[in-house]
Amino acid sequence: SVKGRFTISRDNAKNTVYLQMNSLIPEDT
């Protein structure tokens, strides 16, 4: 349901993971 719209990434030096969410739809709530 999120392929092509969301991107997960991580910064190991910061112990941080990110989720970039584009083209958001109400179903993502």
PDB file of all heavy atoms in Angstrom:
ATOM      1  N   SER A   1       0.792  -1.216   0.000  1.00  0.00           N
ATOM      2  CA  SER A   1       0.000   0.000   0.000  1.00  0.00           C
ATOM      3  C   SER A   1       0.832   1.278   0.000  1.00  0.00           C
ATOM      4  O   SER A   1       0.312   2.352  -0.301  1.00  0.00           O
ATOM      5  CB  SER A   1      -0.941   0.016   1.208  1.00  0.00           C
ATOM      6  OG  SER A   1      -0.215  -0.055   2.419  1.00  0.00           O
ATOM      7  N   VAL A   2       2.120   1.178   0.335  1.00  0.00           N
ATOM      8  CA  VAL A   2       2.958   2.370   0.408  1.00  0.00           C
ATOM      9  C   VAL A   2       4.102   2.358  -0.590  1.00  0.00           C
ATOM     10  O   VAL A   2       4.849   3.349  -0.680  1.00  0.00           O
ATOM     11  CB  VAL A   2       3.526   2.580   1.825  1.00  0.00           C
ATOM     12  CG1 VAL A   2       2.402   2.579   2.847  1.00  0.00           C
ATOM     13  CG2 VAL A   2       4.567   1.518   2.168  1.00  0.00           C
ATOM     14  N   LYS A   3       4.256   1.289  -1.346  1.00  0.00           N
ATOM     15  CA  LYS A   3       5.339   1.215  -2.320  1.00  0.00           C
ATOM     16  C   LYS A   3       5.235   2.350  -3.337  1.00  0.00           C
ATOM     17  O   LYS A   3       4.167   2.640  -3.850  1.00  0.00           O
ATOM     18  CB  LYS A   3       5.318  -0.133  -3.043  1.00  0.00           C
ATOM     19  CG  LYS A   3       5.795  -1.294  -2.202  1.00  0.00           C
ATOM     20  CD  LYS A   3       5.788  -2.593  -2.998  1.00  0.00           C
ATOM     21  CE  LYS A   3       6.303  -3.755  -2.163  1.00  0.00           C
ATOM     22  NZ  LYS A   3       6.262  -5.037  -2.913  1.00  0.00           N
ATOM     23  N   GLY A   4       6.361   2.979  -3.594  1.00  0.00           N
ATOM     24  CA  GLY A   4       6.398   4.089  -4.520  1.00  0.00           C
ATOM     25  C   GLY A   4       6.089   5.424  -3.888  1.00  0.00           C
ATOM     26  O   GLY A   4       6.302   6.468  -4.518  1.00  0.00           O
ATOM     27  N   ARG A   5       5.580   5.419  -2.661  1.00  0.00           N
ATOM     28  CA  ARG A   5       5.241   6.662  -1.972  1.00  0.00           C
ATOM     29  C   ARG A   5       6.096   6.895  -0.728  1.00  0.00           C
ATOM     30  O   ARG A   5       6.430   8.035  -0.417  1.00  0.00           O
ATOM     31  CB  ARG A   5       3.767   6.659  -1.559  1.00  0.00           C
ATOM     32  CG  ARG A   5       2.801   6.552  -2.737  1.00  0.00           C
ATOM     33  CD  ARG A   5       1.360   6.779  -2.294  1.00  0.00           C
ATOM     34  NE  ARG A   5       0.907   5.766  -1.338  1.00  0.00           N
ATOM     35  CZ  ARG A   5       0.519   6.029  -0.093  1.00  0.00           C
ATOM     36  NH1 ARG A   5       0.516   7.283   0.352  1.00  0.00           N
ATOM     37  NH2 ARG A   5       0.117   5.045   0.706  1.00  0.00           N
ATOM     38  N   PHE A   6       6.436   5.829  -0.023  1.00  0.00           N
ATOM     39  CA  PHE A   6       7.208   5.934   1.215  1.00  0.00           C
ATOM     40  C   PHE A   6       8.624   5.430   0.986  1.00  0.00           C
ATOM     41  O   PHE A   6       8.855   4.509   0.197  1.00  0.00           O
ATOM     42  CB  PHE A   6       6.578   5.100   2.327  1.00  0.00           C
ATOM     43  CG  PHE A   6       5.262   5.624   2.851  1.00  0.00           C
ATOM     44  CD1 PHE A   6       4.580   6.642   2.215  1.00  0.00           C
ATOM     45  CD2 PHE A   6       4.725   5.072   3.999  1.00  0.00           C
ATOM     46  CE1 PHE A   6       3.373   7.110   2.700  1.00  0.00           C
ATOM     47  CE2 PHE A   6       3.516   5.527   4.502  1.00  0.00           C
ATOM     48  CZ  PHE A   6       2.840   6.542   3.859  1.00  0.00           C
ATOM     49  N   THR A   7       9.565   6.006   1.709  1.00  0.00           N
ATOM     50  CA  THR A   7      10.952   5.576   1.658  1.00  0.00           C
ATOM     51  C   THR A   7      11.505   5.499   3.071  1.00  0.00           C
ATOM     52  O   THR A   7      11.440   6.473   3.825  1.00  0.00           O
ATOM     53  CB  THR A   7      11.820   6.531   0.827  1.00  0.00           C
ATOM     54  OG1 THR A   7      11.308   6.629  -0.504  1.00  0.00           O
ATOM     55  CG2 THR A   7      13.258   6.010   0.760  1.00  0.00           C
ATOM     56  N   ILE A   8      12.048   4.349   3.427  1.00  0.00           N
ATOM     57  CA  ILE A   8      12.678   4.184   4.730  1.00  0.00           C
ATOM     58  C   ILE A   8      14.189   4.298   4.563  1.00  0.00           C
ATOM     59  O   ILE A   8      14.757   3.835   3.569  1.00  0.00           O
ATOM     60  CB  ILE A   8      12.291   2.836   5.377  1.00  0.00           C
ATOM     61  CG1 ILE A   8      12.797   2.761   6.819  1.00  0.00           C
ATOM     62  CG2 ILE A   8      12.796   1.660   4.553  1.00  0.00           C
ATOM     63  CD1 ILE A   8      12.271   1.551   7.591  1.00  0.00           C
ATOM     64  N   SER A   9      14.831   4.920   5.526  1.00  0.00           N
ATOM     65  CA  SER A   9      16.277   5.060   5.509  1.00  0.00           C
ATOM     66  C   SER A   9      16.780   5.090   6.942  1.00  0.00           C
ATOM     67  O   SER A   9      15.997   5.230   7.888  1.00  0.00           O
ATOM     68  CB  SER A   9      16.706   6.322   4.752  1.00  0.00           C
ATOM     69  OG  SER A   9      16.192   7.486   5.375  1.00  0.00           O
ATOM     70  N   ARG A  10      18.088   4.958   7.098  1.00  0.00           N
ATOM     71  CA  ARG A  10      18.656   4.982   8.440  1.00  0.00           C
ATOM     72  C   ARG A  10      20.017   5.646   8.430  1.00  0.00           C
ATOM     73  O   ARG A  10      20.736   5.618   7.429  1.00  0.00           O
ATOM     74  CB  ARG A  10      18.751   3.566   9.021  1.00  0.00           C
ATOM     75  CG  ARG A  10      19.685   2.631   8.266  1.00  0.00           C
ATOM     76  CD  ARG A  10      19.522   1.180   8.733  1.00  0.00           C
ATOM     77  NE  ARG A  10      20.064   0.969  10.071  1.00  0.00           N
ATOM     78  CZ  ARG A  10      19.889  -0.154  10.771  1.00  0.00           C
ATOM     79  NH1 ARG A  10      19.173  -1.150  10.267  1.00  0.00           N
ATOM     80  NH2 ARG A  10      20.432  -0.270  11.981  1.00  0.00           N
ATOM     81  N   ASP A  11      20.356   6.224   9.556  1.00  0.00           N
ATOM     82  CA  ASP A  11      21.662   6.821   9.781  1.00  0.00           C
ATOM     83  C   ASP A  11      22.250   6.089  10.973  1.00  0.00           C
ATOM     84  O   ASP A  11      21.893   6.359  12.117  1.00  0.00           O
ATOM     85  CB  ASP A  11      21.546   8.318  10.048  1.00  0.00           C
ATOM     86  CG  ASP A  11      22.900   9.003  10.155  1.00  0.00           C
ATOM     87  OD1 ASP A  11      23.888   8.343  10.512  1.00  0.00           O
ATOM     88  OD2 ASP A  11      22.969  10.217   9.876  1.00  0.00           O
ATOM     89  N   ASN A  12      23.137   5.152  10.706  1.00  0.00           N
ATOM     90  CA  ASN A  12      23.676   4.319  11.771  1.00  0.00           C
ATOM     91  C   ASN A  12      24.500   5.118  12.786  1.00  0.00           C
ATOM     92  O   ASN A  12      24.529   4.777  13.967  1.00  0.00           O
ATOM     93  CB  ASN A  12      24.524   3.194  11.179  1.00  0.00           C
ATOM     94  CG  ASN A  12      23.690   2.181  10.418  1.00  0.00           C
ATOM     95  OD1 ASN A  12      22.534   1.941  10.744  1.00  0.00           O
ATOM     96  ND2 ASN A  12      24.287   1.569   9.399  1.00  0.00           N
ATOM     97  N   ALA A  13      25.167   6.163  12.331  1.00  0.00           N
ATOM     98  CA  ALA A  13      25.956   6.984  13.236  1.00  0.00           C
ATOM     99  C   ALA A  13      25.083   7.707  14.246  1.00  0.00           C
ATOM    100  O   ALA A  13      25.537   8.030  15.347  1.00  0.00           O
ATOM    101  CB  ALA A  13      26.797   7.986  12.448  1.00  0.00           C
ATOM    102  N   LYS A  14      23.839   7.974  13.873  1.00  0.00           N
ATOM    103  CA  LYS A  14      22.908   8.675  14.749  1.00  0.00           C
ATOM    104  C   LYS A  14      21.895   7.743  15.406  1.00  0.00           C
ATOM    105  O   LYS A  14      21.036   8.211  16.154  1.00  0.00           O
ATOM    106  CB  LYS A  14      22.164   9.759  13.973  1.00  0.00           C
ATOM    107  CG  LYS A  14      23.059  10.855  13.412  1.00  0.00           C
ATOM    108  CD  LYS A  14      22.241  11.893  12.666  1.00  0.00           C
ATOM    109  CE  LYS A  14      23.118  13.009  12.128  1.00  0.00           C
ATOM    110  NZ  LYS A  14      22.329  14.018  11.386  1.00  0.00           N
ATOM    111  N   ASN A  15      21.984   6.449  15.120  1.00  0.00           N
ATOM    112  CA  ASN A  15      21.022   5.475  15.637  1.00  0.00           C
ATOM    113  C   ASN A  15      19.592   5.915  15.336  1.00  0.00           C
ATOM    114  O   ASN A  15      18.706   5.838  16.191  1.00  0.00           O
ATOM    115  CB  ASN A  15      21.206   5.268  17.142  1.00  0.00           C
ATOM    116  CG  ASN A  15      22.532   4.620  17.487  1.00  0.00           C
ATOM    117  OD1 ASN A  15      23.050   3.804  16.726  1.00  0.00           O
ATOM    118  ND2 ASN A  15      23.090   4.974  18.632  1.00  0.00           N
ATOM    119  N   THR A  16      19.383   6.357  14.120  1.00  0.00           N
ATOM    120  CA  THR A  16      18.108   6.936  13.735  1.00  0.00           C
ATOM    121  C   THR A  16      17.583   6.298  12.459  1.00  0.00           C
ATOM    122  O   THR A  16      18.347   6.036  11.524  1.00  0.00           O
ATOM    123  CB  THR A  16      18.244   8.453  13.538  1.00  0.00           C
ATOM    124  OG1 THR A  16      18.640   9.059  14.769  1.00  0.00           O
ATOM    125  CG2 THR A  16      16.919   9.065  13.099  1.00  0.00           C
ATOM    126  N   VAL A  17      16.287   6.071  12.420  1.00  0.00           N
ATOM    127  CA  VAL A  17      15.615   5.589  11.228  1.00  0.00           C
ATOM    128  C   VAL A  17      14.564   6.617  10.832  1.00  0.00           C
ATOM    129  O   VAL A  17      13.936   7.244  11.690  1.00  0.00           O
ATOM    130  CB  VAL A  17      14.984   4.196  11.448  1.00  0.00           C
ATOM    131  CG1 VAL A  17      13.913   4.238  12.538  1.00  0.00           C
ATOM    132  CG2 VAL A  17      14.416   3.645  10.150  1.00  0.00           C
ATOM    133  N   TYR A  18      14.383   6.792   9.532  1.00  0.00           N
ATOM    134  CA  TYR A  18      13.462   7.780   9.006  1.00  0.00           C
ATOM    135  C   TYR A  18      12.421   7.110   8.114  1.00  0.00           C
ATOM    136  O   TYR A  18      12.664   6.054   7.531  1.00  0.00           O
ATOM    137  CB  TYR A  18      14.194   8.828   8.166  1.00  0.00           C
ATOM    138  CG  TYR A  18      15.349   9.499   8.863  1.00  0.00           C
ATOM    139  CD1 TYR A  18      16.640   8.990   8.752  1.00  0.00           C
ATOM    140  CD2 TYR A  18      15.154  10.650   9.622  1.00  0.00           C
ATOM    141  CE1 TYR A  18      17.702   9.605   9.379  1.00  0.00           C
ATOM    142  CE2 TYR A  18      16.216  11.273  10.256  1.00  0.00           C
ATOM    143  CZ  TYR A  18      17.490  10.749  10.132  1.00  0.00           C
ATOM    144  OH  TYR A  18      18.544  11.368  10.761  1.00  0.00           O
ATOM    145  N   LEU A  19      11.289   7.752   7.998  1.00  0.00           N
ATOM    146  CA  LEU A  19      10.279   7.351   7.033  1.00  0.00           C
ATOM    147  C   LEU A  19       9.809   8.599   6.307  1.00  0.00           C
ATOM    148  O   LEU A  19       9.152   9.457   6.906  1.00  0.00           O
ATOM    149  CB  LEU A  19       9.098   6.647   7.703  1.00  0.00           C
ATOM    150  CG  LEU A  19       8.060   6.068   6.741  1.00  0.00           C
ATOM    151  CD1 LEU A  19       8.660   4.919   5.934  1.00  0.00           C
ATOM    152  CD2 LEU A  19       6.818   5.589   7.492  1.00  0.00           C
ATOM    153  N   GLN A  20      10.171   8.701   5.033  1.00  0.00           N
ATOM    154  CA  GLN A  20       9.716   9.788   4.193  1.00  0.00           C
ATOM    155  C   GLN A  20       8.409   9.366   3.533  1.00  0.00           C
ATOM    156  O   GLN A  20       8.369   8.372   2.814  1.00  0.00           O
ATOM    157  CB  GLN A  20      10.759  10.125   3.131  1.00  0.00           C
ATOM    158  CG  GLN A  20      10.347  11.223   2.161  1.00  0.00           C
ATOM    159  CD  GLN A  20      10.217  12.569   2.827  1.00  0.00           C
ATOM    160  OE1 GLN A  20      11.100  12.974   3.578  1.00  0.00           O
ATOM    161  NE2 GLN A  20       9.126  13.266   2.555  1.00  0.00           N
ATOM    162  N   MET A  21       7.353  10.112   3.781  1.00  0.00           N
ATOM    163  CA  MET A  21       6.029   9.779   3.281  1.00  0.00           C
ATOM    164  C   MET A  21       5.583  10.849   2.293  1.00  0.00           C
ATOM    165  O   MET A  21       5.443  12.019   2.655  1.00  0.00           O
ATOM    166  CB  MET A  21       5.036   9.662   4.436  1.00  0.00           C
ATOM    167  CG  MET A  21       5.413   8.592   5.452  1.00  0.00           C
ATOM    168  SD  MET A  21       4.241   8.483   6.836  1.00  0.00           S
ATOM    169  CE  MET A  21       4.687   9.968   7.735  1.00  0.00           C
ATOM    170  N   ASN A  22       5.367  10.437   1.055  1.00  0.00           N
ATOM    171  CA  ASN A  22       4.915  11.340   0.003  1.00  0.00           C
ATOM    172  C   ASN A  22       3.555  10.909  -0.510  1.00  0.00           C
ATOM    173  O   ASN A  22       3.127   9.776  -0.314  1.00  0.00           O
ATOM    174  CB  ASN A  22       5.922  11.363  -1.150  1.00  0.00           C
ATOM    175  CG  ASN A  22       7.296  11.856  -0.742  1.00  0.00           C
ATOM    176  OD1 ASN A  22       7.424  12.736   0.096  1.00  0.00           O
ATOM    177  ND2 ASN A  22       8.331  11.295  -1.359  1.00  0.00           N
ATOM    178  N   SER A  23       2.891  11.822  -1.204  1.00  0.00           N
ATOM    179  CA  SER A  23       1.577  11.541  -1.791  1.00  0.00           C
ATOM    180  C   SER A  23       0.642  10.905  -0.775  1.00  0.00           C
ATOM    181  O   SER A  23      -0.021   9.898  -1.040  1.00  0.00           O
ATOM    182  CB  SER A  23       1.730  10.640  -3.022  1.00  0.00           C
ATOM    183  OG  SER A  23       2.556  11.240  -3.995  1.00  0.00           O
ATOM    184  N   LEU A  24       0.572  11.503   0.385  1.00  0.00           N
ATOM    185  CA  LEU A  24      -0.214  10.939   1.475  1.00  0.00           C
ATOM    186  C   LEU A  24      -1.706  10.925   1.150  1.00  0.00           C
ATOM    187  O   LEU A  24      -2.232  11.840   0.515  1.00  0.00           O
ATOM    188  CB  LEU A  24       0.036  11.722   2.757  1.00  0.00           C
ATOM    189  CG  LEU A  24       1.393  11.446   3.417  1.00  0.00           C
ATOM    190  CD1 LEU A  24       1.758  12.553   4.392  1.00  0.00           C
ATOM    191  CD2 LEU A  24       1.354  10.094   4.131  1.00  0.00           C
ATOM    192  N   ILE A  25      -2.360   9.877   1.589  1.00  0.00           N
ATOM    193  CA  ILE A  25      -3.794   9.706   1.401  1.00  0.00           C
ATOM    194  C   ILE A  25      -4.442   9.490   2.765  1.00  0.00           C
ATOM    195  O   ILE A  25      -3.764   9.112   3.727  1.00  0.00           O
ATOM    196  CB  ILE A  25      -4.104   8.523   0.457  1.00  0.00           C
ATOM    197  CG1 ILE A  25      -3.508   7.219   1.004  1.00  0.00           C
ATOM    198  CG2 ILE A  25      -3.558   8.809  -0.942  1.00  0.00           C
ATOM    199  CD1 ILE A  25      -3.821   5.996   0.171  1.00  0.00           C
ATOM    200  N   PRO A  26      -5.749   9.724   2.883  1.00  0.00           N
ATOM    201  CA  PRO A  26      -6.403   9.565   4.183  1.00  0.00           C
ATOM    202  C   PRO A  26      -6.205   8.197   4.814  1.00  0.00           C
ATOM    203  O   PRO A  26      -6.180   8.084   6.045  1.00  0.00           O
ATOM    204  CB  PRO A  26      -7.881   9.834   3.868  1.00  0.00           C
ATOM    205  CG  PRO A  26      -7.829  10.776   2.711  1.00  0.00           C
ATOM    206  CD  PRO A  26      -6.665  10.307   1.887  1.00  0.00           C
ATOM    207  N   GLU A  27      -6.079   7.164   3.989  1.00  0.00           N
ATOM    208  CA  GLU A  27      -5.873   5.813   4.503  1.00  0.00           C
ATOM    209  C   GLU A  27      -4.548   5.647   5.227  1.00  0.00           C
ATOM    210  O   GLU A  27      -4.339   4.644   5.920  1.00  0.00           O
ATOM    211  CB  GLU A  27      -5.984   4.789   3.369  1.00  0.00           C
ATOM    212  CG  GLU A  27      -7.403   4.591   2.830  1.00  0.00           C
ATOM    213  CD  GLU A  27      -7.866   5.724   1.930  1.00  0.00           C
ATOM    214  OE1 GLU A  27      -7.035   6.552   1.503  1.00  0.00           O
ATOM    215  OE2 GLU A  27      -9.080   5.785   1.643  1.00  0.00           O
ATOM    216  N   ASP A  28      -3.634   6.593   5.066  1.00  0.00           N
ATOM    217  CA  ASP A  28      -2.364   6.552   5.787  1.00  0.00           C
ATOM    218  C   ASP A  28      -2.504   7.025   7.227  1.00  0.00           C
ATOM    219  O   ASP A  28      -1.554   6.903   8.012  1.00  0.00           O
ATOM    220  CB  ASP A  28      -1.314   7.412   5.080  1.00  0.00           C
ATOM    221  CG  ASP A  28      -0.942   6.878   3.711  1.00  0.00           C
ATOM    222  OD1 ASP A  28      -0.834   5.646   3.550  1.00  0.00           O
ATOM    223  OD2 ASP A  28      -0.745   7.701   2.792  1.00  0.00           O
ATOM    224  N   THR A  29      -3.644   7.577   7.580  1.00  0.00           N
ATOM    225  CA  THR A  29      -3.861   8.063   8.938  1.00  0.00           C
ATOM    226  C   THR A  29      -3.742   6.924   9.939  1.00  0.00           C
ATOM    227  O   THR A  29      -4.436   5.911   9.829  1.00  0.00           O
ATOM    228  CB  THR A  29      -5.238   8.718   9.065  1.00  0.00           C
ATOM    229  OG1 THR A  29      -5.302   9.872   8.213  1.00  0.00           O
ATOM    230  CG2 THR A  29      -5.503   9.155  10.499  1.00  0.00           C
TER     231      THR A  29
END
